[in-house]
PDB file of all heavy atoms in Angstrom:
ATOM      1  N   GLY A   1       0.802  -1.229  -0.007  1.00  0.00           N
ATOM      2  CA  GLY A   1      -0.018  -0.008   0.001  1.00  0.00           C
ATOM      3  C   GLY A   1       0.847   1.241  -0.003  1.00  0.00           C
ATOM      4  O   GLY A   1       0.297   2.334  -0.312  1.00  0.00           O
ATOM      5  N   ARG A   2       2.076   1.192   0.329  1.00  0.00           N
ATOM      6  CA  ARG A   2       2.962   2.372   0.361  1.00  0.00           C
ATOM      7  C   ARG A   2       4.088   2.241  -0.643  1.00  0.00           C
ATOM      8  O   ARG A   2       4.564   3.286  -1.152  1.00  0.00           O
ATOM      9  CB  ARG A   2       3.560   2.590   1.762  1.00  0.00           C
ATOM     10  CG  ARG A   2       2.554   2.796   2.842  1.00  0.00           C
ATOM     11  CD  ARG A   2       3.222   3.191   4.128  1.00  0.00           C
ATOM     12  NE  ARG A   2       4.068   2.096   4.676  1.00  0.00           N
ATOM     13  CZ  ARG A   2       5.366   2.246   4.956  1.00  0.00           C
ATOM     14  NH1 ARG A   2       5.951   3.422   4.811  1.00  0.00           N
ATOM     15  NH2 ARG A   2       6.079   1.197   5.408  1.00  0.00           N
ATOM     16  N   PHE A   3       4.555   1.044  -0.852  1.00  0.00           N
ATOM     17  CA  PHE A   3       5.682   0.841  -1.767  1.00  0.00           C
ATOM     18  C   PHE A   3       5.275   0.205  -3.049  1.00  0.00           C
ATOM     19  O   PHE A   3       4.335  -0.612  -3.095  1.00  0.00           O
ATOM     20  CB  PHE A   3       6.773  -0.099  -1.095  1.00  0.00           C
ATOM     21  CG  PHE A   3       7.429   0.482   0.080  1.00  0.00           C
ATOM     22  CD1 PHE A   3       7.091   1.751   0.602  1.00  0.00           C
ATOM     23  CD2 PHE A   3       8.421  -0.260   0.697  1.00  0.00           C
ATOM     24  CE1 PHE A   3       7.734   2.262   1.749  1.00  0.00           C
ATOM     25  CE2 PHE A   3       9.030   0.219   1.844  1.00  0.00           C
ATOM     26  CZ  PHE A   3       8.694   1.461   2.372  1.00  0.00           C
ATOM     27  N   THR A   4       5.907   0.566  -4.163  1.00  0.00           N
ATOM     28  CA  THR A   4       5.613  -0.015  -5.423  1.00  0.00           C
ATOM     29  C   THR A   4       6.899  -0.381  -6.138  1.00  0.00           C
ATOM     30  O   THR A   4       7.821   0.440  -6.256  1.00  0.00           O
ATOM     31  CB  THR A   4       4.802   0.948  -6.316  1.00  0.00           C
ATOM     32  OG1 THR A   4       3.578   1.317  -5.698  1.00  0.00           O
ATOM     33  CG2 THR A   4       4.493   0.263  -7.666  1.00  0.00           C
ATOM     34  N   ILE A   5       7.010  -1.642  -6.609  1.00  0.00           N
ATOM     35  CA  ILE A   5       8.147  -2.086  -7.380  1.00  0.00           C
ATOM     36  C   ILE A   5       7.797  -2.091  -8.860  1.00  0.00           C
ATOM     37  O   ILE A   5       6.715  -2.597  -9.226  1.00  0.00           O
ATOM     38  CB  ILE A   5       8.640  -3.498  -6.914  1.00  0.00           C
ATOM     39  CG1 ILE A   5       9.057  -3.404  -5.448  1.00  0.00           C
ATOM     40  CG2 ILE A   5       9.710  -3.988  -7.782  1.00  0.00           C
ATOM     41  CD1 ILE A   5       9.392  -4.730  -4.831  1.00  0.00           C
ATOM     42  N   SER A   6       8.660  -1.597  -9.643  1.00  0.00           N
ATOM     43  CA  SER A   6       8.499  -1.627 -11.121  1.00  0.00           C
ATOM     44  C   SER A   6       9.846  -1.858 -11.778  1.00  0.00           C
ATOM     45  O   SER A   6      10.881  -1.898 -11.138  1.00  0.00           O
ATOM     46  CB  SER A   6       7.855  -0.335 -11.608  1.00  0.00           C
ATOM     47  OG  SER A   6       8.724   0.796 -11.315  1.00  0.00           O
ATOM     48  N   ARG A   7       9.771  -2.105 -13.096  1.00  0.00           N
ATOM     49  CA  ARG A   7      10.982  -2.291 -13.796  1.00  0.00           C
ATOM     50  C   ARG A   7      10.962  -1.650 -15.155  1.00  0.00           C
ATOM     51  O   ARG A   7       9.913  -1.499 -15.752  1.00  0.00           O
ATOM     52  CB  ARG A   7      11.400  -3.773 -13.904  1.00  0.00           C
ATOM     53  CG  ARG A   7      10.894  -4.559 -15.121  1.00  0.00           C
ATOM     54  CD  ARG A   7       9.426  -4.761 -15.068  1.00  0.00           C
ATOM     55  NE  ARG A   7       9.012  -5.861 -15.923  1.00  0.00           N
ATOM     56  CZ  ARG A   7       7.773  -6.060 -16.397  1.00  0.00           C
ATOM     57  NH1 ARG A   7       6.820  -5.153 -16.112  1.00  0.00           N
ATOM     58  NH2 ARG A   7       7.465  -7.113 -17.152  1.00  0.00           N
ATOM     59  N   ASP A   8      12.123  -1.255 -15.664  1.00  0.00           N
ATOM     60  CA  ASP A   8      12.283  -0.776 -16.992  1.00  0.00           C
ATOM     61  C   ASP A   8      13.186  -1.750 -17.746  1.00  0.00           C
ATOM     62  O   ASP A   8      14.390  -1.737 -17.497  1.00  0.00           O
ATOM     63  CB  ASP A   8      12.898   0.641 -16.976  1.00  0.00           C
ATOM     64  CG  ASP A   8      12.945   1.287 -18.347  1.00  0.00           C
ATOM     65  OD1 ASP A   8      13.014   0.584 -19.371  1.00  0.00           O
ATOM     66  OD2 ASP A   8      12.998   2.583 -18.428  1.00  0.00           O
ATOM     67  N   LYS A   9      12.591  -2.535 -18.542  1.00  0.00           N
ATOM     68  CA  LYS A   9      13.350  -3.598 -19.170  1.00  0.00           C
ATOM     69  C   LYS A   9      14.389  -3.056 -20.190  1.00  0.00           C
ATOM     70  O   LYS A   9      15.418  -3.717 -20.362  1.00  0.00           O
ATOM     71  CB  LYS A   9      12.352  -4.580 -19.896  1.00  0.00           C
ATOM     72  CG  LYS A   9      11.429  -5.268 -18.879  1.00  0.00           C
ATOM     73  CD  LYS A   9      10.408  -6.175 -19.544  1.00  0.00           C
ATOM     74  CE  LYS A   9      11.031  -7.528 -19.928  1.00  0.00           C
ATOM     75  NZ  LYS A   9      10.034  -8.451 -20.408  1.00  0.00           N
ATOM     76  N   ALA A  10      14.113  -1.976 -20.780  1.00  0.00           N
ATOM     77  CA  ALA A  10      15.022  -1.365 -21.729  1.00  0.00           C
ATOM     78  C   ALA A  10      16.291  -0.857 -21.010  1.00  0.00           C
ATOM     79  O   ALA A  10      17.361  -0.850 -21.620  1.00  0.00           O
ATOM     80  CB  ALA A  10      14.373  -0.181 -22.490  1.00  0.00           C
ATOM     81  N   LYS A  11      16.184  -0.494 -19.736  1.00  0.00           N
ATOM     82  CA  LYS A  11      17.292   0.034 -18.985  1.00  0.00           C
ATOM     83  C   LYS A  11      17.854  -1.010 -17.994  1.00  0.00           C
ATOM     84  O   LYS A  11      18.819  -0.701 -17.263  1.00  0.00           O
ATOM     85  CB  LYS A  11      16.896   1.288 -18.257  1.00  0.00           C
ATOM     86  CG  LYS A  11      16.502   2.440 -19.170  1.00  0.00           C
ATOM     87  CD  LYS A  11      16.139   3.670 -18.364  1.00  0.00           C
ATOM     88  CE  LYS A  11      15.798   4.842 -19.263  1.00  0.00           C
ATOM     89  NZ  LYS A  11      15.382   6.062 -18.508  1.00  0.00           N
ATOM     90  N   ASN A  12      17.305  -2.195 -17.953  1.00  0.00           N
ATOM     91  CA  ASN A  12      17.737  -3.211 -17.044  1.00  0.00           C
ATOM     92  C   ASN A  12      17.734  -2.665 -15.584  1.00  0.00           C
ATOM     93  O   ASN A  12      18.704  -2.894 -14.847  1.00  0.00           O
ATOM     94  CB  ASN A  12      19.132  -3.749 -17.393  1.00  0.00           C
ATOM     95  CG  ASN A  12      19.074  -4.662 -18.655  1.00  0.00           C
ATOM     96  OD1 ASN A  12      18.028  -4.923 -19.175  1.00  0.00           O
ATOM     97  ND2 ASN A  12      20.211  -5.055 -19.097  1.00  0.00           N
ATOM     98  N   THR A  13      16.725  -1.983 -15.252  1.00  0.00           N
ATOM     99  CA  THR A  13      16.634  -1.335 -13.959  1.00  0.00           C
ATOM    100  C   THR A  13      15.320  -1.614 -13.286  1.00  0.00           C
ATOM    101  O   THR A  13      14.286  -1.609 -13.878  1.00  0.00           O
ATOM    102  CB  THR A  13      16.813   0.184 -14.127  1.00  0.00           C
ATOM    103  OG1 THR A  13      18.082   0.468 -14.756  1.00  0.00           O
ATOM    104  CG2 THR A  13      16.779   0.897 -12.794  1.00  0.00           C
ATOM    105  N   VAL A  14      15.399  -1.854 -11.980  1.00  0.00           N
ATOM    106  CA  VAL A  14      14.256  -2.138 -11.159  1.00  0.00           C
ATOM    107  C   VAL A  14      14.156  -0.916 -10.153  1.00  0.00           C
ATOM    108  O   VAL A  14      15.183  -0.402  -9.678  1.00  0.00           O
ATOM    109  CB  VAL A  14      14.380  -3.420 -10.361  1.00  0.00           C
ATOM    110  CG1 VAL A  14      13.290  -3.481  -9.263  1.00  0.00           C
ATOM    111  CG2 VAL A  14      14.191  -4.582 -11.328  1.00  0.00           C
ATOM    112  N   PHE A  15      12.956  -0.463  -9.868  1.00  0.00           N
ATOM    113  CA  PHE A  15      12.694   0.684  -8.998  1.00  0.00           C
ATOM    114  C   PHE A  15      11.882   0.205  -7.771  1.00  0.00           C
ATOM    115  O   PHE A  15      11.095  -0.685  -7.843  1.00  0.00           O
ATOM    116  CB  PHE A  15      11.957   1.741  -9.729  1.00  0.00           C
ATOM    117  CG  PHE A  15      12.628   2.180 -11.010  1.00  0.00           C
ATOM    118  CD1 PHE A  15      12.238   1.679 -12.228  1.00  0.00           C
ATOM    119  CD2 PHE A  15      13.657   3.121 -10.942  1.00  0.00           C
ATOM    120  CE1 PHE A  15      12.860   2.098 -13.370  1.00  0.00           C
ATOM    121  CE2 PHE A  15      14.342   3.515 -12.125  1.00  0.00           C
ATOM    122  CZ  PHE A  15      13.885   3.013 -13.306  1.00  0.00           C
ATOM    123  N   LEU A  16      12.145   0.952  -6.707  1.00  0.00           N
ATOM    124  CA  LEU A  16      11.328   0.829  -5.536  1.00  0.00           C
ATOM    125  C   LEU A  16      10.823   2.210  -5.150  1.00  0.00           C
ATOM    126  O   LEU A  16      11.554   3.044  -4.633  1.00  0.00           O
ATOM    127  CB  LEU A  16      12.077   0.172  -4.364  1.00  0.00           C
ATOM    128  CG  LEU A  16      11.333   0.102  -3.019  1.00  0.00           C
ATOM    129  CD1 LEU A  16      10.120  -0.802  -3.111  1.00  0.00           C
ATOM    130  CD2 LEU A  16      12.247  -0.355  -1.911  1.00  0.00           C
ATOM    131  N   GLN A  17       9.564   2.466  -5.485  1.00  0.00           N
ATOM    132  CA  GLN A  17       8.954   3.803  -5.117  1.00  0.00           C
ATOM    133  C   GLN A  17       8.374   3.621  -3.685  1.00  0.00           C
ATOM    134  O   GLN A  17       7.530   2.764  -3.441  1.00  0.00           O
ATOM    135  CB  GLN A  17       7.852   4.116  -6.052  1.00  0.00           C
ATOM    136  CG  GLN A  17       7.123   5.407  -5.781  1.00  0.00           C
ATOM    137  CD  GLN A  17       7.978   6.620  -5.939  1.00  0.00           C
ATOM    138  OE1 GLN A  17       8.667   6.763  -6.906  1.00  0.00           O
ATOM    139  NE2 GLN A  17       7.957   7.510  -4.950  1.00  0.00           N
ATOM    140  N   MET A  18       8.853   4.517  -2.792  1.00  0.00           N
ATOM    141  CA  MET A  18       8.449   4.434  -1.432  1.00  0.00           C
ATOM    142  C   MET A  18       7.725   5.735  -1.075  1.00  0.00           C
ATOM    143  O   MET A  18       8.334   6.803  -1.173  1.00  0.00           O
ATOM    144  CB  MET A  18       9.640   4.244  -0.537  1.00  0.00           C
ATOM    145  CG  MET A  18      10.406   2.980  -0.816  1.00  0.00           C
ATOM    146  SD  MET A  18      11.710   2.637   0.367  1.00  0.00           S
ATOM    147  CE  MET A  18      12.814   4.034  -0.009  1.00  0.00           C
ATOM    148  N   ASN A  19       6.484   5.618  -0.692  1.00  0.00           N
ATOM    149  CA  ASN A  19       5.691   6.779  -0.287  1.00  0.00           C
ATOM    150  C   ASN A  19       5.234   6.641   1.158  1.00  0.00           C
ATOM    151  O   ASN A  19       5.307   5.567   1.727  1.00  0.00           O
ATOM    152  CB  ASN A  19       4.401   6.863  -1.187  1.00  0.00           C
ATOM    153  CG  ASN A  19       4.735   7.044  -2.632  1.00  0.00           C
ATOM    154  OD1 ASN A  19       5.693   7.708  -2.981  1.00  0.00           O
ATOM    155  ND2 ASN A  19       3.931   6.459  -3.482  1.00  0.00           N
ATOM    156  N   SER A  20       4.823   7.779   1.711  1.00  0.00           N
ATOM    157  CA  SER A  20       4.378   7.806   3.095  1.00  0.00           C
ATOM    158  C   SER A  20       5.367   7.138   4.056  1.00  0.00           C
ATOM    159  O   SER A  20       5.031   6.313   4.898  1.00  0.00           O
ATOM    160  CB  SER A  20       2.998   7.083   3.253  1.00  0.00           C
ATOM    161  OG  SER A  20       2.040   7.726   2.415  1.00  0.00           O
ATOM    162  N   LEU A  21       6.586   7.538   3.905  1.00  0.00           N
ATOM    163  CA  LEU A  21       7.685   6.885   4.632  1.00  0.00           C
ATOM    164  C   LEU A  21       7.535   7.184   6.161  1.00  0.00           C
ATOM    165  O   LEU A  21       7.124   8.266   6.548  1.00  0.00           O
ATOM    166  CB  LEU A  21       9.051   7.354   4.162  1.00  0.00           C
ATOM    167  CG  LEU A  21       9.450   6.735   2.827  1.00  0.00           C
ATOM    168  CD1 LEU A  21      10.576   7.499   2.198  1.00  0.00           C
ATOM    169  CD2 LEU A  21       9.923   5.271   3.110  1.00  0.00           C
ATOM    170  N   LYS A  22       7.966   6.223   6.929  1.00  0.00           N
ATOM    171  CA  LYS A  22       7.922   6.257   8.382  1.00  0.00           C
ATOM    172  C   LYS A  22       9.316   6.077   8.922  1.00  0.00           C
ATOM    173  O   LYS A  22      10.143   5.474   8.263  1.00  0.00           O
ATOM    174  CB  LYS A  22       6.987   5.176   8.933  1.00  0.00           C
ATOM    175  CG  LYS A  22       5.552   5.164   8.328  1.00  0.00           C
ATOM    176  CD  LYS A  22       4.796   3.961   8.812  1.00  0.00           C
ATOM    177  CE  LYS A  22       3.396   3.914   8.201  1.00  0.00           C
ATOM    178  NZ  LYS A  22       2.640   2.712   8.668  1.00  0.00           N
ATOM    179  N   PRO A  23       9.570   6.535  10.134  1.00  0.00           N
ATOM    180  CA  PRO A  23      10.882   6.305  10.708  1.00  0.00           C
ATOM    181  C   PRO A  23      11.284   4.836  10.793  1.00  0.00           C
ATOM    182  O   PRO A  23      12.468   4.581  10.592  1.00  0.00           O
ATOM    183  CB  PRO A  23      10.743   6.862  12.114  1.00  0.00           C
ATOM    184  CG  PRO A  23       9.688   7.977  11.952  1.00  0.00           C
ATOM    185  CD  PRO A  23       8.698   7.434  10.946  1.00  0.00           C
ATOM    186  N   GLU A  24      10.328   3.979  10.947  1.00  0.00           N
ATOM    187  CA  GLU A  24      10.644   2.541  11.000  1.00  0.00           C
ATOM    188  C   GLU A  24      11.080   1.979   9.637  1.00  0.00           C
ATOM    189  O   GLU A  24      11.484   0.849   9.563  1.00  0.00           O
ATOM    190  CB  GLU A  24       9.479   1.714  11.572  1.00  0.00           C
ATOM    191  CG  GLU A  24       8.133   2.042  10.936  1.00  0.00           C
ATOM    192  CD  GLU A  24       7.297   3.024  11.727  1.00  0.00           C
ATOM    193  OE1 GLU A  24       7.868   4.027  12.168  1.00  0.00           O
ATOM    194  OE2 GLU A  24       6.103   2.762  11.890  1.00  0.00           O
ATOM    195  N   ASP A  25      10.932   2.762   8.589  1.00  0.00           N
ATOM    196  CA  ASP A  25      11.428   2.382   7.262  1.00  0.00           C
ATOM    197  C   ASP A  25      12.953   2.629   7.137  1.00  0.00           C
ATOM    198  O   ASP A  25      13.540   2.240   6.138  1.00  0.00           O
ATOM    199  CB  ASP A  25      10.711   3.112   6.169  1.00  0.00           C
ATOM    200  CG  ASP A  25       9.223   2.727   6.078  1.00  0.00           C
ATOM    201  OD1 ASP A  25       8.895   1.534   6.225  1.00  0.00           O
ATOM    202  OD2 ASP A  25       8.431   3.683   5.872  1.00  0.00           O
ATOM    203  N   THR A  26      13.543   3.341   8.117  1.00  0.00           N
ATOM    204  CA  THR A  26      14.969   3.561   8.062  1.00  0.00           C
ATOM    205  C   THR A  26      15.745   2.256   8.023  1.00  0.00           C
ATOM    206  O   THR A  26      15.573   1.385   8.908  1.00  0.00           O
ATOM    207  CB  THR A  26      15.374   4.427   9.259  1.00  0.00           C
ATOM    208  OG1 THR A  26      14.769   5.677   9.204  1.00  0.00           O
ATOM    209  CG2 THR A  26      16.894   4.567   9.330  1.00  0.00           C
ATOM    210  N   ALA A  27      16.550   2.136   7.030  1.00  0.00           N
ATOM    211  CA  ALA A  27      17.314   0.865   6.821  1.00  0.00           C
ATOM    212  C   ALA A  27      18.273   1.003   5.683  1.00  0.00           C
ATOM    213  O   ALA A  27      18.217   1.962   4.868  1.00  0.00           O
ATOM    214  CB  ALA A  27      16.373  -0.292   6.573  1.00  0.00           C
ATOM    215  N   LEU A  28      19.164   0.051   5.564  1.00  0.00           N
ATOM    216  CA  LEU A  28      19.929  -0.117   4.413  1.00  0.00           C
ATOM    217  C   LEU A  28      19.165  -0.996   3.430  1.00  0.00           C
ATOM    218  O   LEU A  28      18.805  -2.164   3.803  1.00  0.00           O
ATOM    219  CB  LEU A  28      21.322  -0.772   4.738  1.00  0.00           C
ATOM    220  CG  LEU A  28      22.355  -0.845   3.585  1.00  0.00           C
ATOM    221  CD1 LEU A  28      22.709   0.549   3.121  1.00  0.00           C
ATOM    222  CD2 LEU A  28      23.562  -1.605   4.077  1.00  0.00           C
ATOM    223  N   TYR A  29      18.900  -0.549   2.278  1.00  0.00           N
ATOM    224  CA  TYR A  29      18.059  -1.232   1.311  1.00  0.00           C
ATOM    225  C   TYR A  29      18.898  -1.871   0.292  1.00  0.00           C
ATOM    226  O   TYR A  29      19.748  -1.279  -0.371  1.00  0.00           O
ATOM    227  CB  TYR A  29      17.069  -0.280   0.645  1.00  0.00           C
ATOM    228  CG  TYR A  29      15.879   0.058   1.489  1.00  0.00           C
ATOM    229  CD1 TYR A  29      16.069   0.905   2.603  1.00  0.00           C
ATOM    230  CD2 TYR A  29      14.627  -0.460   1.247  1.00  0.00           C
ATOM    231  CE1 TYR A  29      14.951   1.217   3.430  1.00  0.00           C
ATOM    232  CE2 TYR A  29      13.541  -0.127   2.101  1.00  0.00           C
ATOM    233  CZ  TYR A  29      13.736   0.713   3.166  1.00  0.00           C
ATOM    234  OH  TYR A  29      12.644   1.014   3.975  1.00  0.00           O
ATOM    235  N   TYR A  30      18.667  -3.190   0.113  1.00  0.00           N
ATOM    236  CA  TYR A  30      19.450  -4.015  -0.850  1.00  0.00           C
ATOM    237  C   TYR A  30      18.575  -4.485  -1.969  1.00  0.00           C
ATOM    238  O   TYR A  30      17.435  -4.850  -1.867  1.00  0.00           O
ATOM    239  CB  TYR A  30      19.991  -5.250  -0.151  1.00  0.00           C
ATOM    240  CG  TYR A  30      20.999  -5.018   0.958  1.00  0.00           C
ATOM    241  CD1 TYR A  30      20.620  -4.920   2.325  1.00  0.00           C
ATOM    242  CD2 TYR A  30      22.379  -4.902   0.649  1.00  0.00           C
ATOM    243  CE1 TYR A  30      21.530  -4.743   3.276  1.00  0.00           C
ATOM    244  CE2 TYR A  30      23.244  -4.697   1.643  1.00  0.00           C
ATOM    245  CZ  TYR A  30      22.851  -4.618   2.990  1.00  0.00           C
ATOM    246  OH  TYR A  30      23.785  -4.397   3.959  1.00  0.00           O
ATOM    247  N   CYS A  31      19.173  -4.460  -3.166  1.00  0.00           N
ATOM    248  CA  CYS A  31      18.583  -5.119  -4.306  1.00  0.00           C
ATOM    249  C   CYS A  31      19.173  -6.506  -4.403  1.00  0.00           C
ATOM    250  O   CYS A  31      20.329  -6.760  -4.185  1.00  0.00           O
ATOM    251  CB  CYS A  31      18.959  -4.317  -5.570  1.00  0.00           C
ATOM    252  SG  CYS A  31      18.306  -4.957  -7.136  1.00  0.00           S
ATOM    253  N   ALA A  32      18.310  -7.463  -4.795  1.00  0.00           N
ATOM    254  CA  ALA A  32      18.742  -8.876  -4.979  1.00  0.00           C
ATOM    255  C   ALA A  32      18.107  -9.415  -6.255  1.00  0.00           C
ATOM    256  O   ALA A  32      17.126  -8.875  -6.712  1.00  0.00           O
ATOM    257  CB  ALA A  32      18.309  -9.655  -3.730  1.00  0.00           C
TER     258      ALA A  32
END
C-alpha cells in the first residue's frame, strides 16, 4: 500500500517507489 516495485526492461533497472515513509522504514536497502 505504500511501496511499489516496477522495472524498466530497456534500462535493465528495477525501482522501488516508497511513499508515506515512516521512521521505521529507516534501513539499508538491498537489491537482490
